[in-house]
Amino acid sequence: MPNSPLKPFSLWKHLNKLRWLSLSVVFLMLLLIPTIHLYQTYIAAHAYDLLAPGEKQFYDAMENLTRPFVSDPEKQLDAVKGNTWSGTFWSFQLSDPLAVIGQIASGLKIFWPFLLTALLPVLLTAIFGRFFCGWICPATLLYELNTNLAAILQKAGFRTGRRQFDLRLKYIVLILGLVVAMASGSVVFAAIYPPAVIGREIYYAIALGGFGSGIVYFLITLLFDLLVARRGFCRYLCPGGALYSLIGRYRMFRIKRIVESCNDCAKCTAICEFGLDPLRDDFGQECNNCCACIAVCPTDAMTFYISPKDIAFQGPGQLGQLYRRQAQEEQTSHAPS
């Protein structure tokens, strides 16, 4: 007979909501930073009377919003600058590890101050795995909304992409990007990496009044996910995803299935956008700890644990029919004739 079902820490069930909040805050910051920069530009120009009516309205609105917090917005609003590619937060600079290795490859030398800005993200990735992809990446917010759109289209009778490719493709993209960077002296990742593209395009739209060509590229990635493969770009083509997967291969913070509480409903596997199989304890280095499987589990059979590797397949859930049938067969086989 199965043991009494275990229960995970109650907070884990709500982590997916916290993750959506984190993604939303990051996206709002990408909108706010260029807005503040534009306001600071108007202040520095000392040309309020020369502004167009719409620009004056924007200036007045920003002045009213910032007045309670700062006395010198031209300088004091510089606390947060940049984007998820590389940014400054109250004099503390952080950079995406992909930006750093791209710069090293293109310049064929190490710029140590820039390298140090990636140490914290690398350390966090070594502990939590591909968490940047699930909790911070601004593209993730749009890609997951795109997945919701795909679900609506499916219910309406439209066919969406379900093709599968070799997960090693993104590692090839990462290697080719480094080779091209070394040969050309250009950080090519900035042109194809969705977080960098989105941060740049949002800045163009707000500060310069229009999108650049990168928006077309990003829309193509959305169509690829919608029509070809579910979360296809992140799973098969993203060089940043490849790098984070490698760094976080032996991450310490992992999700595991509580086999005593599992009823084999397979909702965890169905909801996983990265094509993993939590029902069979198959997470691997691709898992971004998004917690969707924890949130959807009806029996609270998912939790976190500390280990550098996944647990091997534990067998069917002990609340499921297969486990009960196997237990009955085992009892019958051991019963006296």
C-alpha atoms as a PDB file:
ATOM      1  CA  MET A   1       0.000   0.000   0.000  1.00  0.00           C
ATOM      2  CA  PRO A   2       1.233   3.530  -0.685  1.00  0.00           C
ATOM      3  CA  ASN A   3       2.542   5.668   2.129  1.00  0.00           C
ATOM      4  CA  SER A   4       0.591   8.681   3.355  1.00  0.00           C
ATOM      5  CA  PRO A   5       0.887  11.369   0.657  1.00  0.00           C
ATOM      6  CA  LEU A   6       3.537  13.990   1.331  1.00  0.00           C
ATOM      7  CA  LYS A   7       2.818  17.696   0.947  1.00  0.00           C
ATOM      8  CA  PRO A   8       5.292  20.237  -0.448  1.00  0.00           C
ATOM      9  CA  PHE A   9       5.890  23.671   1.040  1.00  0.00           C
ATOM     10  CA  SER A  10       2.661  25.597   0.400  1.00  0.00           C
ATOM     11  CA  LEU A  11       4.427  28.562  -1.245  1.00  0.00           C
ATOM     12  CA  TRP A  12       5.668  26.472  -4.172  1.00  0.00           C
ATOM     13  CA  LYS A  13       2.104  26.245  -5.528  1.00  0.00           C
ATOM     14  CA  HIS A  14       2.030  30.010  -6.032  1.00  0.00           C
ATOM     15  CA  LEU A  15       5.504  30.532  -7.464  1.00  0.00           C
ATOM     16  CA  ASN A  16       4.217  30.577 -11.035  1.00  0.00           C
ATOM     17  CA  LYS A  17       2.109  33.640 -10.156  1.00  0.00           C
ATOM     18  CA  LEU A  18       5.194  35.292  -8.662  1.00  0.00           C
ATOM     19  CA  ARG A  19       7.086  34.441 -11.844  1.00  0.00           C
ATOM     20  CA  TRP A  20       4.474  36.169 -13.993  1.00  0.00           C
ATOM     21  CA  LEU A  21       4.753  39.185 -11.703  1.00  0.00           C
ATOM     22  CA  SER A  22       8.537  39.143 -12.142  1.00  0.00           C
ATOM     23  CA  LEU A  23       8.237  38.981 -15.938  1.00  0.00           C
ATOM     24  CA  SER A  24       5.699  41.797 -15.948  1.00  0.00           C
ATOM     25  CA  VAL A  25       7.895  44.012 -13.753  1.00  0.00           C
ATOM     26  CA  VAL A  26      10.909  43.450 -16.017  1.00  0.00           C
ATOM     27  CA  PHE A  27       8.849  44.313 -19.084  1.00  0.00           C
ATOM     28  CA  LEU A  28       7.478  47.443 -17.426  1.00  0.00           C
ATOM     29  CA  MET A  29      11.024  48.475 -16.550  1.00  0.00           C
ATOM     30  CA  LEU A  30      11.993  48.176 -20.206  1.00  0.00           C
ATOM     31  CA  LEU A  31       9.142  50.566 -20.976  1.00  0.00           C
ATOM     32  CA  LEU A  32       9.973  52.922 -18.125  1.00  0.00           C
ATOM     33  CA  ILE A  33      13.732  53.300 -18.698  1.00  0.00           C
ATOM     34  CA  PRO A  34      13.555  54.842 -22.199  1.00  0.00           C
ATOM     35  CA  THR A  35      10.584  56.951 -21.076  1.00  0.00           C
ATOM     36  CA  ILE A  36      12.695  58.416 -18.287  1.00  0.00           C
ATOM     37  CA  HIS A  37      15.613  58.885 -20.678  1.00  0.00           C
ATOM     38  CA  LEU A  38      13.409  60.851 -23.058  1.00  0.00           C
ATOM     39  CA  TYR A  39      12.204  63.053 -20.210  1.00  0.00           C
ATOM     40  CA  GLN A  40      15.800  63.666 -19.099  1.00  0.00           C
ATOM     41  CA  THR A  41      16.713  64.645 -22.651  1.00  0.00           C
ATOM     42  CA  TYR A  42      14.003  67.297 -22.665  1.00  0.00           C
ATOM     43  CA  ILE A  43      15.241  68.629 -19.309  1.00  0.00           C
ATOM     44  CA  ALA A  44      18.856  68.760 -20.486  1.00  0.00           C
ATOM     45  CA  ALA A  45      17.841  70.662 -23.639  1.00  0.00           C
ATOM     46  CA  HIS A  46      16.254  73.501 -21.606  1.00  0.00           C
ATOM     47  CA  ALA A  47      13.827  74.018 -24.469  1.00  0.00           C
ATOM     48  CA  TYR A  48      10.379  73.476 -23.002  1.00  0.00           C
ATOM     49  CA  ASP A  49       8.906  76.331 -25.072  1.00  0.00           C
ATOM     50  CA  LEU A  50      10.148  74.685 -28.268  1.00  0.00           C
ATOM     51  CA  LEU A  51       8.461  71.364 -27.587  1.00  0.00           C
ATOM     52  CA  ALA A  52       5.433  70.271 -29.575  1.00  0.00           C
ATOM     53  CA  PRO A  53       2.103  70.204 -27.695  1.00  0.00           C
ATOM     54  CA  GLY A  54       2.239  66.423 -27.258  1.00  0.00           C
ATOM     55  CA  GLU A  55       5.812  66.604 -26.004  1.00  0.00           C
ATOM     56  CA  LYS A  56       4.822  69.293 -23.485  1.00  0.00           C
ATOM     57  CA  GLN A  57       2.039  67.057 -22.193  1.00  0.00           C
ATOM     58  CA  PHE A  58       4.518  64.208 -21.812  1.00  0.00           C
ATOM     59  CA  TYR A  59       6.993  66.527 -20.026  1.00  0.00           C
ATOM     60  CA  ASP A  60       4.346  67.806 -17.619  1.00  0.00           C
ATOM     61  CA  ALA A  61       3.094  64.304 -16.847  1.00  0.00           C
ATOM     62  CA  MET A  62       6.610  63.014 -16.108  1.00  0.00           C
ATOM     63  CA  GLU A  63       7.364  66.063 -13.986  1.00  0.00           C
ATOM     64  CA  ASN A  64       4.273  65.452 -11.870  1.00  0.00           C
ATOM     65  CA  LEU A  65       5.083  61.747 -11.528  1.00  0.00           C
ATOM     66  CA  THR A  66       8.720  62.203 -10.520  1.00  0.00           C
ATOM     67  CA  ARG A  67       8.488  65.322  -8.353  1.00  0.00           C
ATOM     68  CA  PRO A  68       7.569  63.413  -5.136  1.00  0.00           C
ATOM     69  CA  PHE A  69      10.642  61.187  -5.488  1.00  0.00           C
ATOM     70  CA  VAL A  70      13.490  63.309  -6.885  1.00  0.00           C
ATOM     71  CA  SER A  71      14.567  66.938  -6.781  1.00  0.00           C
ATOM     72  CA  ASP A  72      16.984  66.717  -9.721  1.00  0.00           C
ATOM     73  CA  PRO A  73      15.502  64.288 -12.275  1.00  0.00           C
ATOM     74  CA  GLU A  74      18.271  64.894 -14.805  1.00  0.00           C
ATOM     75  CA  LYS A  75      20.758  63.195 -12.467  1.00  0.00           C
ATOM     76  CA  GLN A  76      18.776  61.304  -9.864  1.00  0.00           C
ATOM     77  CA  LEU A  77      16.753  59.288 -12.376  1.00  0.00           C
ATOM     78  CA  ASP A  78      19.950  57.669 -13.657  1.00  0.00           C
ATOM     79  CA  ALA A  79      19.793  54.956 -10.969  1.00  0.00           C
ATOM     80  CA  VAL A  80      18.533  52.347 -13.451  1.00  0.00           C
ATOM     81  CA  LYS A  81      19.822  52.298 -17.008  1.00  0.00           C
ATOM     82  CA  GLY A  82      20.174  49.773 -19.801  1.00  0.00           C
ATOM     83  CA  ASN A  83      18.168  46.581 -20.298  1.00  0.00           C
ATOM     84  CA  THR A  84      18.410  42.837 -19.741  1.00  0.00           C
ATOM     85  CA  TRP A  85      21.368  42.642 -22.156  1.00  0.00           C
ATOM     86  CA  SER A  86      23.446  44.905 -19.924  1.00  0.00           C
ATOM     87  CA  GLY A  87      22.335  47.450 -17.366  1.00  0.00           C
ATOM     88  CA  THR A  88      23.200  49.489 -14.303  1.00  0.00           C
ATOM     89  CA  PHE A  89      21.160  49.267 -11.114  1.00  0.00           C
ATOM     90  CA  TRP A  90      22.124  51.843  -8.480  1.00  0.00           C
ATOM     91  CA  SER A  91      25.813  51.728  -9.508  1.00  0.00           C
ATOM     92  CA  PHE A  92      25.758  47.916  -9.673  1.00  0.00           C
ATOM     93  CA  GLN A  93      26.287  46.723 -13.236  1.00  0.00           C
ATOM     94  CA  LEU A  94      24.914  43.406 -14.496  1.00  0.00           C
ATOM     95  CA  SER A  95      25.287  41.816 -17.915  1.00  0.00           C
ATOM     96  CA  ASP A  96      23.893  38.788 -19.663  1.00  0.00           C
ATOM     97  CA  PRO A  97      26.650  36.134 -19.861  1.00  0.00           C
ATOM     98  CA  LEU A  98      25.915  35.870 -23.589  1.00  0.00           C
ATOM     99  CA  ALA A  99      26.803  39.562 -23.978  1.00  0.00           C
ATOM    100  CA  VAL A 100      30.106  38.960 -22.213  1.00  0.00           C
ATOM    101  CA  ILE A 101      31.221  35.916 -24.183  1.00  0.00           C
ATOM    102  CA  GLY A 102      30.067  37.639 -27.383  1.00  0.00           C
ATOM    103  CA  GLN A 103      32.266  40.631 -26.553  1.00  0.00           C
ATOM    104  CA  ILE A 104      35.219  38.365 -25.716  1.00  0.00           C
ATOM    105  CA  ALA A 105      34.829  36.490 -29.002  1.00  0.00           C
ATOM    106  CA  SER A 106      34.476  39.628 -31.122  1.00  0.00           C
ATOM    107  CA  GLY A 107      37.413  41.422 -29.495  1.00  0.00           C
ATOM    108  CA  LEU A 108      39.560  38.303 -29.019  1.00  0.00           C
ATOM    109  CA  LYS A 109      40.479  39.539 -25.563  1.00  0.00           C
ATOM    110  CA  ILE A 110      38.973  39.703 -22.101  1.00  0.00           C
ATOM    111  CA  PHE A 111      37.773  43.024 -20.770  1.00  0.00           C
ATOM    112  CA  TRP A 112      37.808  42.163 -17.075  1.00  0.00           C
ATOM    113  CA  PRO A 113      35.458  44.877 -15.763  1.00  0.00           C
ATOM    114  CA  PHE A 114      32.802  43.704 -18.227  1.00  0.00           C
ATOM    115  CA  LEU A 115      33.439  40.039 -17.408  1.00  0.00           C
ATOM    116  CA  LEU A 116      32.841  40.725 -13.722  1.00  0.00           C
ATOM    117  CA  THR A 117      29.357  42.085 -14.496  1.00  0.00           C
ATOM    118  CA  ALA A 118      28.277  38.558 -15.514  1.00  0.00           C
ATOM    119  CA  LEU A 119      29.515  36.768 -12.393  1.00  0.00           C
ATOM    120  CA  LEU A 120      26.285  37.133 -10.412  1.00  0.00           C
ATOM    121  CA  PRO A 121      24.053  35.860 -13.264  1.00  0.00           C
ATOM    122  CA  VAL A 122      26.450  32.931 -13.777  1.00  0.00           C
ATOM    123  CA  LEU A 123      26.391  32.096 -10.065  1.00  0.00           C
ATOM    124  CA  LEU A 124      22.596  32.256  -9.893  1.00  0.00           C
ATOM    125  CA  THR A 125      22.334  30.077 -12.995  1.00  0.00           C
ATOM    126  CA  ALA A 126      24.667  27.499 -11.465  1.00  0.00           C
ATOM    127  CA  ILE A 127      22.302  27.340  -8.482  1.00  0.00           C
ATOM    128  CA  PHE A 128      18.868  27.732 -10.103  1.00  0.00           C
ATOM    129  CA  GLY A 129      19.539  26.620 -13.676  1.00  0.00           C
ATOM    130  CA  ARG A 130      17.952  28.302 -16.674  1.00  0.00           C
ATOM    131  CA  PHE A 131      15.986  30.653 -14.414  1.00  0.00           C
ATOM    132  CA  PHE A 132      16.715  33.759 -16.539  1.00  0.00           C
ATOM    133  CA  CYS A 133      14.662  32.213 -19.347  1.00  0.00           C
ATOM    134  CA  GLY A 134      11.677  31.590 -17.089  1.00  0.00           C
ATOM    135  CA  TRP A 135      11.766  34.482 -14.638  1.00  0.00           C
ATOM    136  CA  ILE A 136      13.495  37.493 -16.236  1.00  0.00           C
ATOM    137  CA  CYS A 137      13.650  37.271 -20.028  1.00  0.00           C
ATOM    138  CA  PRO A 138      11.212  39.863 -21.468  1.00  0.00           C
ATOM    139  CA  ALA A 139      10.687  37.662 -24.511  1.00  0.00           C
ATOM    140  CA  THR A 140       9.309  34.904 -22.280  1.00  0.00           C
ATOM    141  CA  LEU A 141       6.326  37.063 -21.337  1.00  0.00           C
ATOM    142  CA  LEU A 142       5.419  37.497 -25.007  1.00  0.00           C
ATOM    143  CA  TYR A 143       6.203  33.894 -25.924  1.00  0.00           C
ATOM    144  CA  GLU A 144       3.926  32.565 -23.185  1.00  0.00           C
ATOM    145  CA  LEU A 145       1.135  34.903 -24.258  1.00  0.00           C
ATOM    146  CA  ASN A 146       1.744  33.523 -27.753  1.00  0.00           C
ATOM    147  CA  THR A 147       1.293  30.006 -26.351  1.00  0.00           C
ATOM    148  CA  ASN A 148      -2.053  31.074 -24.886  1.00  0.00           C
ATOM    149  CA  LEU A 149      -3.020  32.387 -28.325  1.00  0.00           C
ATOM    150  CA  ALA A 150      -2.094  29.013 -29.811  1.00  0.00           C
ATOM    151  CA  ALA A 151      -4.387  27.278 -27.299  1.00  0.00           C
ATOM    152  CA  ILE A 152      -7.271  29.573 -28.275  1.00  0.00           C
ATOM    153  CA  LEU A 153      -6.650  28.879 -31.973  1.00  0.00           C
ATOM    154  CA  GLN A 154      -6.585  25.149 -31.320  1.00  0.00           C
ATOM    155  CA  LYS A 155      -9.966  25.316 -29.596  1.00  0.00           C
ATOM    156  CA  ALA A 156     -11.265  27.221 -32.621  1.00  0.00           C
ATOM    157  CA  GLY A 157     -10.134  24.394 -34.908  1.00  0.00           C
ATOM    158  CA  PHE A 158      -6.849  25.832 -36.218  1.00  0.00           C
ATOM    159  CA  ARG A 159      -3.723  23.705 -36.340  1.00  0.00           C
ATOM    160  CA  THR A 160      -0.681  25.105 -34.559  1.00  0.00           C
ATOM    161  CA  GLY A 161       2.928  24.000 -34.654  1.00  0.00           C
ATOM    162  CA  ARG A 162       3.806  20.755 -32.908  1.00  0.00           C
ATOM    163  CA  ARG A 163       6.983  19.758 -34.736  1.00  0.00           C
ATOM    164  CA  GLN A 164       9.989  18.629 -32.742  1.00  0.00           C
ATOM    165  CA  PHE A 165      13.651  19.133 -33.563  1.00  0.00           C
ATOM    166  CA  ASP A 166      16.972  18.184 -32.049  1.00  0.00           C
ATOM    167  CA  LEU A 167      17.576  20.171 -28.858  1.00  0.00           C
ATOM    168  CA  ARG A 168      21.261  20.374 -29.784  1.00  0.00           C
ATOM    169  CA  LEU A 169      20.466  22.848 -32.571  1.00  0.00           C
ATOM    170  CA  LYS A 170      20.715  25.801 -30.187  1.00  0.00           C
ATOM    171  CA  TYR A 171      24.219  24.755 -29.181  1.00  0.00           C
ATOM    172  CA  ILE A 172      25.196  24.825 -32.835  1.00  0.00           C
ATOM    173  CA  VAL A 173      23.721  28.347 -33.068  1.00  0.00           C
ATOM    174  CA  LEU A 174      25.776  29.355 -30.012  1.00  0.00           C
ATOM    175  CA  ILE A 175      28.999  27.982 -31.505  1.00  0.00           C
ATOM    176  CA  LEU A 176      28.345  29.520 -34.939  1.00  0.00           C
ATOM    177  CA  GLY A 177      27.623  32.873 -33.299  1.00  0.00           C
ATOM    178  CA  LEU A 178      30.965  32.765 -31.507  1.00  0.00           C
ATOM    179  CA  VAL A 179      32.790  31.805 -34.706  1.00  0.00           C
ATOM    180  CA  VAL A 180      31.142  34.625 -36.668  1.00  0.00           C
ATOM    181  CA  ALA A 181      31.928  37.075 -33.847  1.00  0.00           C
ATOM    182  CA  MET A 182      35.609  36.086 -33.902  1.00  0.00           C
ATOM    183  CA  ALA A 183      35.757  36.354 -37.688  1.00  0.00           C
ATOM    184  CA  SER A 184      33.844  39.620 -38.045  1.00  0.00           C
ATOM    185  CA  GLY A 185      34.652  41.455 -34.827  1.00  0.00           C
ATOM    186  CA  SER A 186      30.927  42.029 -34.284  1.00  0.00           C
ATOM    187  CA  VAL A 187      28.758  40.812 -31.402  1.00  0.00           C
ATOM    188  CA  VAL A 188      26.236  39.080 -33.658  1.00  0.00           C
ATOM    189  CA  PHE A 189      24.233  37.703 -30.736  1.00  0.00           C
ATOM    190  CA  ALA A 190      22.783  41.163 -30.106  1.00  0.00           C
ATOM    191  CA  ALA A 191      20.990  40.925 -33.471  1.00  0.00           C
ATOM    192  CA  ILE A 192      19.380  37.501 -32.903  1.00  0.00           C
ATOM    193  CA  TYR A 193      18.919  37.189 -29.132  1.00  0.00           C
ATOM    194  CA  PRO A 194      15.284  38.025 -28.250  1.00  0.00           C
ATOM    195  CA  PRO A 195      15.925  39.769 -24.882  1.00  0.00           C
ATOM    196  CA  ALA A 196      18.438  42.085 -26.560  1.00  0.00           C
ATOM    197  CA  VAL A 197      16.173  42.644 -29.555  1.00  0.00           C
ATOM    198  CA  ILE A 198      13.133  43.486 -27.422  1.00  0.00           C
ATOM    199  CA  GLY A 199      15.050  45.881 -25.166  1.00  0.00           C
ATOM    200  CA  ARG A 200      16.470  47.665 -28.199  1.00  0.00           C
ATOM    201  CA  GLU A 201      13.163  47.855 -30.077  1.00  0.00           C
ATOM    202  CA  ILE A 202      11.269  49.201 -27.061  1.00  0.00           C
ATOM    203  CA  TYR A 203      13.915  51.889 -26.698  1.00  0.00           C
ATOM    204  CA  TYR A 204      13.650  52.796 -30.385  1.00  0.00           C
ATOM    205  CA  ALA A 205       9.863  52.989 -30.194  1.00  0.00           C
ATOM    206  CA  ILE A 206       9.766  55.262 -27.134  1.00  0.00           C
ATOM    207  CA  ALA A 207      12.915  57.361 -27.386  1.00  0.00           C
ATOM    208  CA  LEU A 208      13.181  57.601 -31.170  1.00  0.00           C
ATOM    209  CA  GLY A 209       9.542  57.340 -32.180  1.00  0.00           C
ATOM    210  CA  GLY A 210       9.566  54.099 -34.161  1.00  0.00           C
ATOM    211  CA  PHE A 211      10.603  50.454 -34.280  1.00  0.00           C
ATOM    212  CA  GLY A 212      13.700  49.157 -36.025  1.00  0.00           C
ATOM    213  CA  SER A 213      14.084  46.089 -38.237  1.00  0.00           C
ATOM    214  CA  GLY A 214      14.481  43.882 -35.168  1.00  0.00           C
ATOM    215  CA  ILE A 215      10.743  43.927 -34.582  1.00  0.00           C
ATOM    216  CA  VAL A 216      10.256  42.020 -37.839  1.00  0.00           C
ATOM    217  CA  TYR A 217      12.750  39.403 -36.692  1.00  0.00           C
ATOM    218  CA  PHE A 218      10.993  38.986 -33.356  1.00  0.00           C
ATOM    219  CA  LEU A 219       7.591  38.638 -35.026  1.00  0.00           C
ATOM    220  CA  ILE A 220       9.086  35.863 -37.158  1.00  0.00           C
ATOM    221  CA  THR A 221      10.126  34.023 -33.980  1.00  0.00           C
ATOM    222  CA  LEU A 222       6.556  34.353 -32.688  1.00  0.00           C
ATOM    223  CA  LEU A 223       5.198  32.898 -35.921  1.00  0.00           C
ATOM    224  CA  PHE A 224       7.747  30.097 -35.730  1.00  0.00           C
ATOM    225  CA  ASP A 225       6.469  29.195 -32.265  1.00  0.00           C
ATOM    226  CA  LEU A 226       2.851  29.498 -33.362  1.00  0.00           C
ATOM    227  CA  LEU A 227       3.005  27.641 -36.680  1.00  0.00           C
ATOM    228  CA  VAL A 228       6.010  25.322 -36.471  1.00  0.00           C
ATOM    229  CA  ALA A 229       7.058  24.307 -32.949  1.00  0.00           C
ATOM    230  CA  ARG A 230       5.691  25.135 -29.506  1.00  0.00           C
ATOM    231  CA  ARG A 231       8.222  27.463 -27.831  1.00  0.00           C
ATOM    232  CA  GLY A 232      10.420  26.448 -30.732  1.00  0.00           C
ATOM    233  CA  PHE A 233      12.828  29.363 -30.672  1.00  0.00           C
ATOM    234  CA  CYS A 234      13.668  28.993 -26.971  1.00  0.00           C
ATOM    235  CA  ARG A 235      13.958  25.220 -27.210  1.00  0.00           C
ATOM    236  CA  TYR A 236      15.850  24.852 -30.475  1.00  0.00           C
ATOM    237  CA  LEU A 237      17.450  28.123 -31.621  1.00  0.00           C
ATOM    238  CA  CYS A 238      18.154  30.528 -28.757  1.00  0.00           C
ATOM    239  CA  PRO A 239      21.924  30.941 -28.136  1.00  0.00           C
ATOM    240  CA  GLY A 240      21.239  32.404 -24.687  1.00  0.00           C
ATOM    241  CA  GLY A 241      19.100  29.400 -23.807  1.00  0.00           C
ATOM    242  CA  ALA A 242      21.969  27.150 -24.892  1.00  0.00           C
ATOM    243  CA  LEU A 243      24.461  29.005 -22.702  1.00  0.00           C
ATOM    244  CA  TYR A 244      22.175  29.048 -19.665  1.00  0.00           C
ATOM    245  CA  SER A 245      21.437  25.340 -20.099  1.00  0.00           C
ATOM    246  CA  LEU A 246      25.155  24.544 -20.109  1.00  0.00           C
ATOM    247  CA  ILE A 247      25.904  26.703 -17.067  1.00  0.00           C
ATOM    248  CA  GLY A 248      22.931  25.293 -15.170  1.00  0.00           C
ATOM    249  CA  ARG A 249      23.367  21.659 -16.127  1.00  0.00           C
ATOM    250  CA  TYR A 250      24.349  20.736 -12.576  1.00  0.00           C
ATOM    251  CA  ARG A 251      22.130  23.311 -10.873  1.00  0.00           C
ATOM    252  CA  MET A 252      21.376  22.652  -7.219  1.00  0.00           C
ATOM    253  CA  PHE A 253      17.733  23.809  -7.085  1.00  0.00           C
ATOM    254  CA  ARG A 254      15.486  21.327  -8.921  1.00  0.00           C
ATOM    255  CA  ILE A 255      11.862  20.273  -9.206  1.00  0.00           C
ATOM    256  CA  LYS A 256      10.962  16.697  -8.352  1.00  0.00           C
ATOM    257  CA  ARG A 257       7.820  14.583  -8.318  1.00  0.00           C
ATOM    258  CA  ILE A 258       6.485  13.289  -5.019  1.00  0.00           C
ATOM    259  CA  VAL A 259       5.600   9.807  -6.212  1.00  0.00           C
ATOM    260  CA  GLU A 260       3.507   9.089  -3.083  1.00  0.00           C
ATOM    261  CA  SER A 261       1.153  11.958  -3.998  1.00  0.00           C
ATOM    262  CA  CYS A 262       1.116  11.524  -7.788  1.00  0.00           C
ATOM    263  CA  ASN A 263      -2.019  10.195  -9.509  1.00  0.00           C
ATOM    264  CA  ASP A 264      -0.467   9.982 -13.022  1.00  0.00           C
ATOM    265  CA  CYS A 265      -2.833  12.595 -14.480  1.00  0.00           C
ATOM    266  CA  ALA A 266       0.008  13.872 -16.761  1.00  0.00           C
ATOM    267  CA  LYS A 267      -1.081  17.513 -16.464  1.00  0.00           C
ATOM    268  CA  CYS A 268       2.494  18.428 -15.535  1.00  0.00           C
ATOM    269  CA  THR A 269       3.844  17.019 -18.787  1.00  0.00           C
ATOM    270  CA  ALA A 270       1.062  18.553 -20.875  1.00  0.00           C
ATOM    271  CA  ILE A 271       1.654  22.078 -19.568  1.00  0.00           C
ATOM    272  CA  CYS A 272       5.441  22.063 -19.917  1.00  0.00           C
ATOM    273  CA  GLU A 273       6.275  24.408 -22.783  1.00  0.00           C
ATOM    274  CA  PHE A 274       9.788  23.016 -23.064  1.00  0.00           C
ATOM    275  CA  GLY A 275       8.608  19.493 -23.890  1.00  0.00           C
ATOM    276  CA  LEU A 276       9.914  17.941 -20.685  1.00  0.00           C
ATOM    277  CA  ASP A 277       8.267  14.985 -18.969  1.00  0.00           C
ATOM    278  CA  PRO A 278       7.844  15.637 -15.230  1.00  0.00           C
ATOM    279  CA  LEU A 279       5.521  12.634 -14.973  1.00  0.00           C
ATOM    280  CA  ARG A 280       8.546  10.413 -15.629  1.00  0.00           C
ATOM    281  CA  ASP A 281      10.924  12.566 -13.583  1.00  0.00           C
ATOM    282  CA  ASP A 282      12.542  13.831 -16.785  1.00  0.00           C
ATOM    283  CA  PHE A 283      13.600  17.472 -16.261  1.00  0.00           C
ATOM    284  CA  GLY A 284      17.236  17.681 -17.334  1.00  0.00           C
ATOM    285  CA  GLN A 285      19.239  20.807 -18.067  1.00  0.00           C
ATOM    286  CA  GLU A 286      16.480  22.372 -20.184  1.00  0.00           C
ATOM    287  CA  CYS A 287      14.213  23.041 -17.179  1.00  0.00           C
ATOM    288  CA  ASN A 288      13.905  26.751 -16.341  1.00  0.00           C
ATOM    289  CA  ASN A 289      12.128  26.197 -12.992  1.00  0.00           C
ATOM    290  CA  CYS A 290       9.063  28.036 -14.283  1.00  0.00           C
ATOM    291  CA  CYS A 291       6.899  26.127 -11.743  1.00  0.00           C
ATOM    292  CA  ALA A 292       4.010  25.625 -14.205  1.00  0.00           C
ATOM    293  CA  CYS A 293       4.030  21.893 -13.430  1.00  0.00           C
ATOM    294  CA  ILE A 294       3.841  22.656  -9.702  1.00  0.00           C
ATOM    295  CA  ALA A 295       0.947  25.063 -10.180  1.00  0.00           C
ATOM    296  CA  VAL A 296      -1.130  22.703 -12.325  1.00  0.00           C
ATOM    297  CA  CYS A 297      -0.680  19.559 -10.231  1.00  0.00           C
ATOM    298  CA  PRO A 298      -4.066  18.656  -8.632  1.00  0.00           C
ATOM    299  CA  THR A 299      -2.518  16.528  -5.861  1.00  0.00           C
ATOM    300  CA  ASP A 300       0.433  18.781  -4.913  1.00  0.00           C
ATOM    301  CA  ALA A 301       2.872  16.144  -6.103  1.00  0.00           C
ATOM    302  CA  MET A 302       5.613  18.537  -7.224  1.00  0.00           C
ATOM    303  CA  THR A 303       8.178  20.214  -5.010  1.00  0.00           C
ATOM    304  CA  PHE A 304      11.753  21.536  -4.956  1.00  0.00           C
ATOM    305  CA  TYR A 305      14.813  19.754  -3.633  1.00  0.00           C
ATOM    306  CA  ILE A 306      18.560  20.327  -3.499  1.00  0.00           C
ATOM    307  CA  SER A 307      20.678  18.078  -5.715  1.00  0.00           C
ATOM    308  CA  PRO A 308      23.137  18.408  -8.635  1.00  0.00           C
ATOM    309  CA  LYS A 309      21.181  15.890 -10.691  1.00  0.00           C
ATOM    310  CA  ASP A 310      17.629  14.686 -11.301  1.00  0.00           C
ATOM    311  CA  ILE A 311      16.127  11.703  -9.552  1.00  0.00           C
ATOM    312  CA  ALA A 312      15.794   8.629 -11.745  1.00  0.00           C
ATOM    313  CA  PHE A 313      12.296   7.558 -12.781  1.00  0.00           C
ATOM    314  CA  GLN A 314      10.476   6.558  -9.589  1.00  0.00           C
ATOM    315  CA  GLY A 315       7.750   4.531 -11.213  1.00  0.00           C
ATOM    316  CA  PRO A 316       4.017   5.253 -11.495  1.00  0.00           C
ATOM    317  CA  GLY A 317       2.311   7.583  -9.062  1.00  0.00           C
ATOM    318  CA  GLN A 318       1.086   5.792  -5.970  1.00  0.00           C
ATOM    319  CA  LEU A 319      -2.355   7.397  -6.232  1.00  0.00           C
ATOM    320  CA  GLY A 320      -2.768   6.287  -9.824  1.00  0.00           C
ATOM    321  CA  GLN A 321      -4.537   3.257 -11.289  1.00  0.00           C
ATOM    322  CA  LEU A 322      -1.368   1.711 -12.735  1.00  0.00           C
ATOM    323  CA  TYR A 323       0.342   1.610  -9.349  1.00  0.00           C
ATOM    324  CA  ARG A 324      -2.752   0.116  -7.710  1.00  0.00           C
ATOM    325  CA  ARG A 325      -3.055  -2.497 -10.432  1.00  0.00           C
ATOM    326  CA  GLN A 326       0.600  -3.444 -10.096  1.00  0.00           C
ATOM    327  CA  ALA A 327       0.221  -3.636  -6.303  1.00  0.00           C
ATOM    328  CA  GLN A 328      -2.797  -5.930  -6.643  1.00  0.00           C
ATOM    329  CA  GLU A 329      -0.948  -8.148  -9.130  1.00  0.00           C
ATOM    330  CA  GLU A 330       2.016  -8.332  -6.782  1.00  0.00           C
ATOM    331  CA  GLN A 331      -0.223  -9.284  -3.873  1.00  0.00           C
ATOM    332  CA  THR A 332      -1.922 -11.938  -5.988  1.00  0.00           C
ATOM    333  CA  SER A 333       1.385 -13.414  -7.122  1.00  0.00           C
ATOM    334  CA  HIS A 334       2.571 -13.710  -3.510  1.00  0.00           C
ATOM    335  CA  ALA A 335      -0.687 -15.089  -2.174  1.00  0.00           C
ATOM    336  CA  PRO A 336      -0.615 -18.767  -1.091  1.00  0.00           C
ATOM    337  CA  SER A 337      -2.139 -21.232  -3.551  1.00  0.00           C
END
